[in-house]
Amino acid sequence: QVQLVESGGGLVHTGDSLRLSCTASGSIYRPYTMGWYRQTPGQARDLVAELTATNNTNYADFVKGRATITKDDAKNTVYLQINSLKPEDTAIYYCHLQWGSRNYWGQGTQVTVSS
């Protein structure tokens, strides 16, 4: 089993930056894809950014140019920095890890951007 623990969410203001962290523990085998999704009430869970098993990065159009995803392999931790936050970035952000056909999710961390 794999456990994902997120941190870094909270209440911020328009234009602020924040950094989300997610640490994986348990039975982790490389290579794996690790990243972040977000979800608002009544909506699907959307990819925000991910680092793939082949070390590629993918960003959603709505954060391109504003977000950077990085990984510390020694700590099994992925970081998501988002700058110039907007009210529409308000959502629950979920950490995700994929290894082969297995998908693991964190419990989610709320990000609220006030205008």
PDB file of N, CA and C in Angstrom:
ATOM      1  N   GLN A   1       0.835  -1.205   0.000  1.00  0.00           N
ATOM      2  CA  GLN A   1       0.000   0.000   0.000  1.00  0.00           C
ATOM      3  C   GLN A   1       0.864   1.248   0.000  1.00  0.00           C
ATOM      4  N   VAL A   2       0.302   2.299  -0.554  1.00  0.00           N
ATOM      5  CA  VAL A   2       0.976   3.589  -0.624  1.00  0.00           C
ATOM      6  C   VAL A   2       0.106   4.628   0.068  1.00  0.00           C
ATOM      7  N   GLN A   3       0.729   5.437   0.887  1.00  0.00           N
ATOM      8  CA  GLN A   3       0.028   6.540   1.532  1.00  0.00           C
ATOM      9  C   GLN A   3       0.591   7.862   1.013  1.00  0.00           C
ATOM     10  N   LEU A   4      -0.299   8.810   0.758  1.00  0.00           N
ATOM     11  CA  LEU A   4       0.086  10.133   0.282  1.00  0.00           C
ATOM     12  C   LEU A   4      -0.395  11.161   1.287  1.00  0.00           C
ATOM     13  N   VAL A   5       0.515  11.978   1.759  1.00  0.00           N
ATOM     14  CA  VAL A   5       0.173  13.008   2.732  1.00  0.00           C
ATOM     15  C   VAL A   5       0.483  14.370   2.136  1.00  0.00           C
ATOM     16  N   GLU A   6      -0.549  15.209   2.040  1.00  0.00           N
ATOM     17  CA  GLU A   6      -0.429  16.529   1.428  1.00  0.00           C
ATOM     18  C   GLU A   6      -0.327  17.604   2.493  1.00  0.00           C
ATOM     19  N   SER A   7       0.271  18.704   2.114  1.00  0.00           N
ATOM     20  CA  SER A   7       0.313  19.884   2.982  1.00  0.00           C
ATOM     21  C   SER A   7       0.491  21.123   2.121  1.00  0.00           C
ATOM     22  N   GLY A   8       0.206  22.272   2.706  1.00  0.00           N
ATOM     23  CA  GLY A   8       0.461  23.532   2.024  1.00  0.00           C
ATOM     24  C   GLY A   8      -0.758  24.294   1.561  1.00  0.00           C
ATOM     25  N   GLY A   9      -1.935  23.722   1.697  1.00  0.00           N
ATOM     26  CA  GLY A   9      -3.135  24.442   1.283  1.00  0.00           C
ATOM     27  C   GLY A   9      -3.500  25.516   2.293  1.00  0.00           C
ATOM     28  N   GLY A  10      -4.552  26.267   1.987  1.00  0.00           N
ATOM     29  CA  GLY A  10      -5.015  27.292   2.912  1.00  0.00           C
ATOM     30  C   GLY A  10      -5.703  28.422   2.190  1.00  0.00           C
ATOM     31  N   LEU A  11      -5.857  29.527   2.907  1.00  0.00           N
ATOM     32  CA  LEU A  11      -6.505  30.722   2.362  1.00  0.00           C
ATOM     33  C   LEU A  11      -5.435  31.710   1.928  1.00  0.00           C
ATOM     34  N   VAL A  12      -5.514  32.132   0.674  1.00  0.00           N
ATOM     35  CA  VAL A  12      -4.570  33.107   0.138  1.00  0.00           C
ATOM     36  C   VAL A  12      -5.358  34.173  -0.618  1.00  0.00           C
ATOM     37  N   HIS A  13      -4.667  35.215  -1.045  1.00  0.00           N
ATOM     38  CA  HIS A  13      -5.306  36.298  -1.778  1.00  0.00           C
ATOM     39  C   HIS A  13      -4.918  36.257  -3.250  1.00  0.00           C
ATOM     40  N   THR A  14      -5.735  36.875  -4.053  1.00  0.00           N
ATOM     41  CA  THR A  14      -5.431  36.959  -5.483  1.00  0.00           C
ATOM     42  C   THR A  14      -4.036  37.528  -5.689  1.00  0.00           C
ATOM     43  N   GLY A  15      -3.273  36.856  -6.548  1.00  0.00           N
ATOM     44  CA  GLY A  15      -1.913  37.283  -6.827  1.00  0.00           C
ATOM     45  C   GLY A  15      -0.855  36.633  -5.966  1.00  0.00           C
ATOM     46  N   ASP A  16      -1.266  35.994  -4.892  1.00  0.00           N
ATOM     47  CA  ASP A  16      -0.316  35.311  -4.016  1.00  0.00           C
ATOM     48  C   ASP A  16       0.221  34.046  -4.670  1.00  0.00           C
ATOM     49  N   SER A  17       1.217  33.472  -4.012  1.00  0.00           N
ATOM     50  CA  SER A  17       1.773  32.183  -4.424  1.00  0.00           C
ATOM     51  C   SER A  17       1.618  31.201  -3.278  1.00  0.00           C
ATOM     52  N   LEU A  18       1.611  29.935  -3.622  1.00  0.00           N
ATOM     53  CA  LEU A  18       1.666  28.930  -2.585  1.00  0.00           C
ATOM     54  C   LEU A  18       2.375  27.699  -3.126  1.00  0.00           C
ATOM     55  N   ARG A  19       2.823  26.873  -2.193  1.00  0.00           N
ATOM     56  CA  ARG A  19       3.494  25.635  -2.561  1.00  0.00           C
ATOM     57  C   ARG A  19       2.837  24.481  -1.826  1.00  0.00           C
ATOM     58  N   LEU A  20       2.402  23.526  -2.605  1.00  0.00           N
ATOM     59  CA  LEU A  20       1.823  22.298  -2.058  1.00  0.00           C
ATOM     60  C   LEU A  20       2.893  21.214  -2.043  1.00  0.00           C
ATOM     61  N   SER A  21       2.858  20.393  -1.005  1.00  0.00           N
ATOM     62  CA  SER A  21       3.787  19.273  -0.893  1.00  0.00           C
ATOM     63  C   SER A  21       3.011  17.980  -0.726  1.00  0.00           C
ATOM     64  N   CYS A  22       3.565  16.924  -1.248  1.00  0.00           N
ATOM     65  CA  CYS A  22       2.956  15.606  -1.100  1.00  0.00           C
ATOM     66  C   CYS A  22       4.077  14.591  -0.926  1.00  0.00           C
ATOM     67  N   THR A  23       4.010  13.861   0.176  1.00  0.00           N
ATOM     68  CA  THR A  23       5.017  12.838   0.460  1.00  0.00           C
ATOM     69  C   THR A  23       4.378  11.464   0.408  1.00  0.00           C
ATOM     70  N   ALA A  24       5.012  10.585  -0.323  1.00  0.00           N
ATOM     71  CA  ALA A  24       4.542   9.212  -0.460  1.00  0.00           C
ATOM     72  C   ALA A  24       5.318   8.303   0.466  1.00  0.00           C
ATOM     73  N   SER A  25       4.614   7.346   1.049  1.00  0.00           N
ATOM     74  CA  SER A  25       5.267   6.351   1.897  1.00  0.00           C
ATOM     75  C   SER A  25       4.607   5.008   1.647  1.00  0.00           C
ATOM     76  N   GLY A  26       5.293   3.952   2.086  1.00  0.00           N
ATOM     77  CA  GLY A  26       4.760   2.613   1.892  1.00  0.00           C
ATOM     78  C   GLY A  26       5.545   1.864   0.829  1.00  0.00           C
ATOM     79  N   SER A  27       4.852   1.004   0.121  1.00  0.00           N
ATOM     80  CA  SER A  27       5.491   0.161  -0.886  1.00  0.00           C
ATOM     81  C   SER A  27       5.555   0.918  -2.210  1.00  0.00           C
ATOM     82  N   ILE A  28       6.637   1.668  -2.373  1.00  0.00           N
ATOM     83  CA  ILE A  28       6.800   2.508  -3.561  1.00  0.00           C
ATOM     84  C   ILE A  28       7.859   1.910  -4.461  1.00  0.00           C
ATOM     85  N   TYR A  29       7.505   1.750  -5.718  1.00  0.00           N
ATOM     86  CA  TYR A  29       8.426   1.197  -6.694  1.00  0.00           C
ATOM     87  C   TYR A  29       8.553   2.182  -7.845  1.00  0.00           C
ATOM     88  N   ARG A  30       9.773   2.410  -8.258  1.00  0.00           N
ATOM     89  CA  ARG A  30      10.014   3.314  -9.389  1.00  0.00           C
ATOM     90  C   ARG A  30      10.096   2.498 -10.668  1.00  0.00           C
ATOM     91  N   PRO A  31       9.755   3.132 -11.812  1.00  0.00           N
ATOM     92  CA  PRO A  31       9.347   4.534 -11.923  1.00  0.00           C
ATOM     93  C   PRO A  31       7.853   4.716 -11.690  1.00  0.00           C
ATOM     94  N   TYR A  32       7.464   5.874 -11.273  1.00  0.00           N
ATOM     95  CA  TYR A  32       6.061   6.170 -11.085  1.00  0.00           C
ATOM     96  C   TYR A  32       5.764   7.594 -11.549  1.00  0.00           C
ATOM     97  N   THR A  33       4.527   7.860 -11.790  1.00  0.00           N
ATOM     98  CA  THR A  33       4.046   9.196 -12.124  1.00  0.00           C
ATOM     99  C   THR A  33       3.415   9.785 -10.876  1.00  0.00           C
ATOM    100  N   MET A  34       3.730  11.042 -10.616  1.00  0.00           N
ATOM    101  CA  MET A  34       3.208  11.685  -9.412  1.00  0.00           C
ATOM    102  C   MET A  34       2.814  13.110  -9.748  1.00  0.00           C
ATOM    103  N   GLY A  35       1.694  13.536  -9.228  1.00  0.00           N
ATOM    104  CA  GLY A  35       1.254  14.874  -9.567  1.00  0.00           C
ATOM    105  C   GLY A  35       0.065  15.331  -8.755  1.00  0.00           C
ATOM    106  N   TRP A  36      -0.595  16.363  -9.274  1.00  0.00           N
ATOM    107  CA  TRP A  36      -1.694  17.007  -8.578  1.00  0.00           C
ATOM    108  C   TRP A  36      -2.910  17.151  -9.481  1.00  0.00           C
ATOM    109  N   TYR A  37      -4.070  16.909  -8.901  1.00  0.00           N
ATOM    110  CA  TYR A  37      -5.357  17.169  -9.531  1.00  0.00           C
ATOM    111  C   TYR A  37      -6.114  18.141  -8.638  1.00  0.00           C
ATOM    112  N   ARG A  38      -7.175  18.723  -9.189  1.00  0.00           N
ATOM    113  CA  ARG A  38      -8.021  19.568  -8.361  1.00  0.00           C
ATOM    114  C   ARG A  38      -9.481  19.353  -8.714  1.00  0.00           C
ATOM    115  N   GLN A  39     -10.345  19.656  -7.755  1.00  0.00           N
ATOM    116  CA  GLN A  39     -11.769  19.406  -7.936  1.00  0.00           C
ATOM    117  C   GLN A  39     -12.573  20.465  -7.194  1.00  0.00           C
ATOM    118  N   THR A  40     -13.619  20.937  -7.850  1.00  0.00           N
ATOM    119  CA  THR A  40     -14.591  21.836  -7.219  1.00  0.00           C
ATOM    120  C   THR A  40     -15.925  21.102  -7.152  1.00  0.00           C
ATOM    121  N   PRO A  41     -16.822  21.545  -6.285  1.00  0.00           N
ATOM    122  CA  PRO A  41     -18.091  20.835  -6.094  1.00  0.00           C
ATOM    123  C   PRO A  41     -18.856  20.655  -7.403  1.00  0.00           C
ATOM    124  N   GLY A  42     -19.277  19.428  -7.653  1.00  0.00           N
ATOM    125  CA  GLY A  42     -20.069  19.120  -8.831  1.00  0.00           C
ATOM    126  C   GLY A  42     -19.278  18.980 -10.108  1.00  0.00           C
ATOM    127  N   GLN A  43     -17.962  19.132 -10.013  1.00  0.00           N
ATOM    128  CA  GLN A  43     -17.128  19.059 -11.206  1.00  0.00           C
ATOM    129  C   GLN A  43     -16.222  17.831 -11.158  1.00  0.00           C
ATOM    130  N   ALA A  44     -15.699  17.465 -12.313  1.00  0.00           N
ATOM    131  CA  ALA A  44     -14.762  16.359 -12.381  1.00  0.00           C
ATOM    132  C   ALA A  44     -13.420  16.772 -11.778  1.00  0.00           C
ATOM    133  N   ARG A  45     -12.639  15.766 -11.445  1.00  0.00           N
ATOM    134  CA  ARG A  45     -11.298  16.016 -10.930  1.00  0.00           C
ATOM    135  C   ARG A  45     -10.374  16.220 -12.137  1.00  0.00           C
ATOM    136  N   ASP A  46      -9.722  17.366 -12.184  1.00  0.00           N
ATOM    137  CA  ASP A  46      -8.888  17.719 -13.333  1.00  0.00           C
ATOM    138  C   ASP A  46      -7.413  17.676 -12.993  1.00  0.00           C
ATOM    139  N   LEU A  47      -6.622  17.240 -13.953  1.00  0.00           N
ATOM    140  CA  LEU A  47      -5.178  17.284 -13.793  1.00  0.00           C
ATOM    141  C   LEU A  47      -4.712  18.734 -13.723  1.00  0.00           C
ATOM    142  N   VAL A  48      -3.816  19.014 -12.766  1.00  0.00           N
ATOM    143  CA  VAL A  48      -3.170  20.319 -12.693  1.00  0.00           C
ATOM    144  C   VAL A  48      -1.759  20.218 -13.260  1.00  0.00           C
ATOM    145  N   ALA A  49      -0.992  19.277 -12.725  1.00  0.00           N
ATOM    146  CA  ALA A  49       0.392  19.087 -13.190  1.00  0.00           C
ATOM    147  C   ALA A  49       0.862  17.723 -12.734  1.00  0.00           C
ATOM    148  N   GLU A  50       1.774  17.156 -13.501  1.00  0.00           N
ATOM    149  CA  GLU A  50       2.327  15.867 -13.121  1.00  0.00           C
ATOM    150  C   GLU A  50       3.735  15.706 -13.654  1.00  0.00           C
ATOM    151  N   LEU A  51       4.502  14.884 -12.945  1.00  0.00           N
ATOM    152  CA  LEU A  51       5.820  14.440 -13.384  1.00  0.00           C
ATOM    153  C   LEU A  51       5.682  12.962 -13.727  1.00  0.00           C
ATOM    154  N   THR A  52       5.939  12.626 -14.960  1.00  0.00           N
ATOM    155  CA  THR A  52       5.678  11.258 -15.387  1.00  0.00           C
ATOM    156  C   THR A  52       6.824  10.324 -15.029  1.00  0.00           C
ATOM    157  N   ALA A  53       6.569   9.037 -15.201  1.00  0.00           N
ATOM    158  CA  ALA A  53       7.575   8.014 -14.924  1.00  0.00           C
ATOM    159  C   ALA A  53       8.789   8.166 -15.839  1.00  0.00           C
ATOM    160  N   THR A  54       8.607   8.828 -16.971  1.00  0.00           N
ATOM    161  CA  THR A  54       9.719   9.062 -17.898  1.00  0.00           C
ATOM    162  C   THR A  54      10.281  10.463 -17.740  1.00  0.00           C
ATOM    163  N   ASN A  55       9.984  11.113 -16.613  1.00  0.00           N
ATOM    164  CA  ASN A  55      10.527  12.444 -16.269  1.00  0.00           C
ATOM    165  C   ASN A  55      10.070  13.551 -17.196  1.00  0.00           C
ATOM    166  N   ASN A  56       8.894  13.394 -17.738  1.00  0.00           N
ATOM    167  CA  ASN A  56       8.266  14.501 -18.466  1.00  0.00           C
ATOM    168  C   ASN A  56       7.322  15.238 -17.522  1.00  0.00           C
ATOM    169  N   THR A  57       7.066  16.488 -17.849  1.00  0.00           N
ATOM    170  CA  THR A  57       6.108  17.251 -17.057  1.00  0.00           C
ATOM    171  C   THR A  57       4.907  17.608 -17.922  1.00  0.00           C
ATOM    172  N   ASN A  58       3.740  17.539 -17.342  1.00  0.00           N
ATOM    173  CA  ASN A  58       2.513  17.941 -18.012  1.00  0.00           C
ATOM    174  C   ASN A  58       1.800  18.963 -17.143  1.00  0.00           C
ATOM    175  N   TYR A  59       1.352  20.022 -17.770  1.00  0.00           N
ATOM    176  CA  TYR A  59       0.617  21.068 -17.057  1.00  0.00           C
ATOM    177  C   TYR A  59      -0.716  21.310 -17.748  1.00  0.00           C
ATOM    178  N   ALA A  60      -1.734  21.553 -16.940  1.00  0.00           N
ATOM    179  CA  ALA A  60      -3.013  21.960 -17.501  1.00  0.00           C
ATOM    180  C   ALA A  60      -2.884  23.370 -18.064  1.00  0.00           C
ATOM    181  N   ASP A  61      -3.656  23.650 -19.089  1.00  0.00           N
ATOM    182  CA  ASP A  61      -3.598  24.984 -19.704  1.00  0.00           C
ATOM    183  C   ASP A  61      -3.879  26.087 -18.688  1.00  0.00           C
ATOM    184  N   PHE A  62      -4.752  25.803 -17.725  1.00  0.00           N
ATOM    185  CA  PHE A  62      -5.142  26.870 -16.794  1.00  0.00           C
ATOM    186  C   PHE A  62      -4.042  27.239 -15.795  1.00  0.00           C
ATOM    187  N   VAL A  63      -2.937  26.477 -15.749  1.00  0.00           N
ATOM    188  CA  VAL A  63      -1.820  26.855 -14.866  1.00  0.00           C
ATOM    189  C   VAL A  63      -0.513  27.040 -15.628  1.00  0.00           C
ATOM    190  N   LYS A  64      -0.520  26.814 -16.916  1.00  0.00           N
ATOM    191  CA  LYS A  64       0.725  26.957 -17.672  1.00  0.00           C
ATOM    192  C   LYS A  64       1.284  28.356 -17.515  1.00  0.00           C
ATOM    193  N   GLY A  65       2.578  28.425 -17.228  1.00  0.00           N
ATOM    194  CA  GLY A  65       3.211  29.708 -17.018  1.00  0.00           C
ATOM    195  C   GLY A  65       3.119  30.202 -15.588  1.00  0.00           C
ATOM    196  N   ARG A  66       2.274  29.576 -14.784  1.00  0.00           N
ATOM    197  CA  ARG A  66       2.099  29.988 -13.389  1.00  0.00           C
ATOM    198  C   ARG A  66       2.520  28.918 -12.394  1.00  0.00           C
ATOM    199  N   ALA A  67       2.705  27.697 -12.875  1.00  0.00           N
ATOM    200  CA  ALA A  67       2.953  26.587 -11.962  1.00  0.00           C
ATOM    201  C   ALA A  67       4.243  25.870 -12.327  1.00  0.00           C
ATOM    202  N   THR A  68       4.879  25.314 -11.279  1.00  0.00           N
ATOM    203  CA  THR A  68       6.069  24.497 -11.465  1.00  0.00           C
ATOM    204  C   THR A  68       5.955  23.291 -10.554  1.00  0.00           C
ATOM    205  N   ILE A  69       6.135  22.119 -11.136  1.00  0.00           N
ATOM    206  CA  ILE A  69       6.118  20.895 -10.350  1.00  0.00           C
ATOM    207  C   ILE A  69       7.525  20.335 -10.296  1.00  0.00           C
ATOM    208  N   THR A  70       7.940  19.954  -9.102  1.00  0.00           N
ATOM    209  CA  THR A  70       9.277  19.388  -8.907  1.00  0.00           C
ATOM    210  C   THR A  70       9.176  18.187  -7.982  1.00  0.00           C
ATOM    211  N   LYS A  71      10.230  17.400  -7.963  1.00  0.00           N
ATOM    212  CA  LYS A  71      10.205  16.168  -7.169  1.00  0.00           C
ATOM    213  C   LYS A  71      11.541  15.971  -6.475  1.00  0.00           C
ATOM    214  N   ASP A  72      11.479  15.478  -5.256  1.00  0.00           N
ATOM    215  CA  ASP A  72      12.670  15.067  -4.517  1.00  0.00           C
ATOM    216  C   ASP A  72      12.583  13.557  -4.367  1.00  0.00           C
ATOM    217  N   ASP A  73      13.335  12.843  -5.194  1.00  0.00           N
ATOM    218  CA  ASP A  73      13.252  11.386  -5.183  1.00  0.00           C
ATOM    219  C   ASP A  73      13.679  10.792  -3.846  1.00  0.00           C
ATOM    220  N   ALA A  74      14.667  11.404  -3.225  1.00  0.00           N
ATOM    221  CA  ALA A  74      15.157  10.866  -1.954  1.00  0.00           C
ATOM    222  C   ALA A  74      14.083  10.908  -0.877  1.00  0.00           C
ATOM    223  N   LYS A  75      13.177  11.876  -0.983  1.00  0.00           N
ATOM    224  CA  LYS A  75      12.113  12.028   0.006  1.00  0.00           C
ATOM    225  C   LYS A  75      10.770  11.520  -0.498  1.00  0.00           C
ATOM    226  N   ASN A  76      10.731  11.031  -1.732  1.00  0.00           N
ATOM    227  CA  ASN A  76       9.454  10.613  -2.353  1.00  0.00           C
ATOM    228  C   ASN A  76       8.413  11.726  -2.217  1.00  0.00           C
ATOM    229  N   THR A  77       8.849  12.919  -2.472  1.00  0.00           N
ATOM    230  CA  THR A  77       7.996  14.091  -2.299  1.00  0.00           C
ATOM    231  C   THR A  77       7.911  14.875  -3.595  1.00  0.00           C
ATOM    232  N   VAL A  78       6.705  15.321  -3.897  1.00  0.00           N
ATOM    233  CA  VAL A  78       6.491  16.181  -5.052  1.00  0.00           C
ATOM    234  C   VAL A  78       5.962  17.527  -4.559  1.00  0.00           C
ATOM    235  N   TYR A  79       6.407  18.579  -5.215  1.00  0.00           N
ATOM    236  CA  TYR A  79       6.019  19.935  -4.844  1.00  0.00           C
ATOM    237  C   TYR A  79       5.324  20.604  -6.029  1.00  0.00           C
ATOM    238  N   LEU A  80       4.310  21.389  -5.715  1.00  0.00           N
ATOM    239  CA  LEU A  80       3.645  22.179  -6.746  1.00  0.00           C
ATOM    240  C   LEU A  80       3.625  23.627  -6.299  1.00  0.00           C
ATOM    241  N   GLN A  81       4.339  24.452  -7.033  1.00  0.00           N
ATOM    242  CA  GLN A  81       4.353  25.891  -6.788  1.00  0.00           C
ATOM    243  C   GLN A  81       3.403  26.541  -7.790  1.00  0.00           C
ATOM    244  N   ILE A  82       2.454  27.321  -7.289  1.00  0.00           N
ATOM    245  CA  ILE A  82       1.554  28.063  -8.168  1.00  0.00           C
ATOM    246  C   ILE A  82       1.665  29.542  -7.823  1.00  0.00           C
ATOM    247  N   ASN A  83       1.945  30.336  -8.828  1.00  0.00           N
ATOM    248  CA  ASN A  83       2.064  31.784  -8.660  1.00  0.00           C
ATOM    249  C   ASN A  83       0.838  32.483  -9.247  1.00  0.00           C
ATOM    250  N   SER A  84       0.728  33.759  -8.928  1.00  0.00           N
ATOM    251  CA  SER A  84      -0.359  34.585  -9.475  1.00  0.00           C
ATOM    252  C   SER A  84      -1.713  33.908  -9.326  1.00  0.00           C
ATOM    253  N   LEU A  85      -2.014  33.487  -8.135  1.00  0.00           N
ATOM    254  CA  LEU A  85      -3.249  32.739  -7.892  1.00  0.00           C
ATOM    255  C   LEU A  85      -4.478  33.594  -8.178  1.00  0.00           C
ATOM    256  N   LYS A  86      -5.510  32.921  -8.685  1.00  0.00           N
ATOM    257  CA  LYS A  86      -6.761  33.559  -9.052  1.00  0.00           C
ATOM    258  C   LYS A  86      -7.897  32.931  -8.250  1.00  0.00           C
ATOM    259  N   PRO A  87      -9.008  33.634  -8.065  1.00  0.00           N
ATOM    260  CA  PRO A  87     -10.143  33.029  -7.362  1.00  0.00           C
ATOM    261  C   PRO A  87     -10.595  31.708  -7.996  1.00  0.00           C
ATOM    262  N   GLU A  88     -10.472  31.595  -9.311  1.00  0.00           N
ATOM    263  CA  GLU A  88     -10.893  30.348  -9.971  1.00  0.00           C
ATOM    264  C   GLU A  88      -9.942  29.182  -9.695  1.00  0.00           C
ATOM    265  N   ASP A  89      -8.834  29.435  -9.018  1.00  0.00           N
ATOM    266  CA  ASP A  89      -7.958  28.345  -8.585  1.00  0.00           C
ATOM    267  C   ASP A  89      -8.469  27.699  -7.294  1.00  0.00           C
ATOM    268  N   THR A  90      -9.496  28.275  -6.706  1.00  0.00           N
ATOM    269  CA  THR A  90     -10.080  27.708  -5.491  1.00  0.00           C
ATOM    270  C   THR A  90     -10.610  26.313  -5.773  1.00  0.00           C
ATOM    271  N   ALA A  91     -10.142  25.347  -4.989  1.00  0.00           N
ATOM    272  CA  ALA A  91     -10.517  23.948  -5.197  1.00  0.00           C
ATOM    273  C   ALA A  91      -9.875  23.100  -4.102  1.00  0.00           C
ATOM    274  N   ILE A  92     -10.258  21.836  -4.083  1.00  0.00           N
ATOM    275  CA  ILE A  92      -9.523  20.862  -3.286  1.00  0.00           C
ATOM    276  C   ILE A  92      -8.468  20.258  -4.208  1.00  0.00           C
ATOM    277  N   TYR A  93      -7.245  20.277  -3.748  1.00  0.00           N
ATOM    278  CA  TYR A  93      -6.131  19.755  -4.527  1.00  0.00           C
ATOM    279  C   TYR A  93      -5.748  18.380  -3.979  1.00  0.00           C
ATOM    280  N   TYR A  94      -5.678  17.423  -4.897  1.00  0.00           N
ATOM    281  CA  TYR A  94      -5.392  16.040  -4.531  1.00  0.00           C
ATOM    282  C   TYR A  94      -4.058  15.599  -5.120  1.00  0.00           C
ATOM    283  N   CYS A  95      -3.263  14.981  -4.291  1.00  0.00           N
ATOM    284  CA  CYS A  95      -2.026  14.364  -4.768  1.00  0.00           C
ATOM    285  C   CYS A  95      -2.363  13.004  -5.372  1.00  0.00           C
ATOM    286  N   HIS A  96      -1.649  12.647  -6.408  1.00  0.00           N
ATOM    287  CA  HIS A  96      -1.903  11.394  -7.117  1.00  0.00           C
ATOM    288  C   HIS A  96      -0.592  10.704  -7.453  1.00  0.00           C
ATOM    289  N   LEU A  97      -0.568   9.416  -7.269  1.00  0.00           N
ATOM    290  CA  LEU A  97       0.590   8.601  -7.667  1.00  0.00           C
ATOM    291  C   LEU A  97       0.087   7.416  -8.478  1.00  0.00           C
ATOM    292  N   GLN A  98       0.727   7.211  -9.605  1.00  0.00           N
ATOM    293  CA  GLN A  98       0.384   6.064 -10.452  1.00  0.00           C
ATOM    294  C   GLN A  98       1.616   5.207 -10.640  1.00  0.00           C
ATOM    295  N   TRP A  99       1.464   3.931 -10.357  1.00  0.00           N
ATOM    296  CA  TRP A  99       2.539   2.967 -10.598  1.00  0.00           C
ATOM    297  C   TRP A  99       1.925   1.793 -11.332  1.00  0.00           C
ATOM    298  N   GLY A 100       2.282   1.611 -12.585  1.00  0.00           N
ATOM    299  CA  GLY A 100       1.643   0.598 -13.401  1.00  0.00           C
ATOM    300  C   GLY A 100       0.156   0.902 -13.512  1.00  0.00           C
ATOM    301  N   SER A 101      -0.658  -0.067 -13.155  1.00  0.00           N
ATOM    302  CA  SER A 101      -2.110   0.111 -13.232  1.00  0.00           C
ATOM    303  C   SER A 101      -2.703   0.594 -11.906  1.00  0.00           C
ATOM    304  N   ARG A 102      -1.880   0.825 -10.936  1.00  0.00           N
ATOM    305  CA  ARG A 102      -2.349   1.217  -9.612  1.00  0.00           C
ATOM    306  C   ARG A 102      -2.341   2.729  -9.459  1.00  0.00           C
ATOM    307  N   ASN A 103      -3.429   3.226  -8.891  1.00  0.00           N
ATOM    308  CA  ASN A 103      -3.582   4.655  -8.655  1.00  0.00           C
ATOM    309  C   ASN A 103      -3.833   4.898  -7.175  1.00  0.00           C
ATOM    310  N   TYR A 104      -3.149   5.867  -6.629  1.00  0.00           N
ATOM    311  CA  TYR A 104      -3.289   6.221  -5.230  1.00  0.00           C
ATOM    312  C   TYR A 104      -3.590   7.711  -5.123  1.00  0.00           C
ATOM    313  N   TRP A 105      -4.418   8.059  -4.129  1.00  0.00           N
ATOM    314  CA  TRP A 105      -4.821   9.452  -3.939  1.00  0.00           C
ATOM    315  C   TRP A 105      -4.591   9.885  -2.495  1.00  0.00           C
ATOM    316  N   GLY A 106      -4.237  11.145  -2.349  1.00  0.00           N
ATOM    317  CA  GLY A 106      -4.192  11.733  -1.031  1.00  0.00           C
ATOM    318  C   GLY A 106      -5.585  12.138  -0.585  1.00  0.00           C
ATOM    319  N   GLN A 107      -5.670  12.646   0.620  1.00  0.00           N
ATOM    320  CA  GLN A 107      -6.971  13.009   1.189  1.00  0.00           C
ATOM    321  C   GLN A 107      -7.462  14.361   0.683  1.00  0.00           C
ATOM    322  N   GLY A 108      -6.591  15.116   0.075  1.00  0.00           N
ATOM    323  CA  GLY A 108      -6.970  16.422  -0.470  1.00  0.00           C
ATOM    324  C   GLY A 108      -6.646  17.548   0.492  1.00  0.00           C
ATOM    325  N   THR A 109      -6.294  18.689  -0.079  1.00  0.00           N
ATOM    326  CA  THR A 109      -6.036  19.882   0.720  1.00  0.00           C
ATOM    327  C   THR A 109      -6.765  21.056   0.065  1.00  0.00           C
ATOM    328  N   GLN A 110      -7.474  21.828   0.862  1.00  0.00           N
ATOM    329  CA  GLN A 110      -8.272  22.919   0.344  1.00  0.00           C
ATOM    330  C   GLN A 110      -7.393  24.132   0.069  1.00  0.00           C
ATOM    331  N   VAL A 111      -7.572  24.680  -1.116  1.00  0.00           N
ATOM    332  CA  VAL A 111      -6.950  25.955  -1.470  1.00  0.00           C
ATOM    333  C   VAL A 111      -8.070  26.936  -1.774  1.00  0.00           C
ATOM    334  N   THR A 112      -8.092  28.039  -1.069  1.00  0.00           N
ATOM    335  CA  THR A 112      -9.093  29.071  -1.281  1.00  0.00           C
ATOM    336  C   THR A 112      -8.395  30.386  -1.603  1.00  0.00           C
ATOM    337  N   VAL A 113      -8.758  30.959  -2.750  1.00  0.00           N
ATOM    338  CA  VAL A 113      -8.155  32.219  -3.180  1.00  0.00           C
ATOM    339  C   VAL A 113      -9.225  33.298  -3.098  1.00  0.00           C
ATOM    340  N   SER A 114      -9.021  34.262  -2.235  1.00  0.00           N
ATOM    341  CA  SER A 114     -10.004  35.331  -2.081  1.00  0.00           C
ATOM    342  C   SER A 114      -9.676  36.476  -3.032  1.00  0.00           C
ATOM    343  N   SER A 115     -10.732  37.134  -3.476  1.00  0.00           N
ATOM    344  CA  SER A 115     -10.543  38.240  -4.433  1.00  0.00           C
ATOM    345  C   SER A 115     -10.350  39.563  -3.709  1.00  0.00           C
TER     346      SER A 115
END
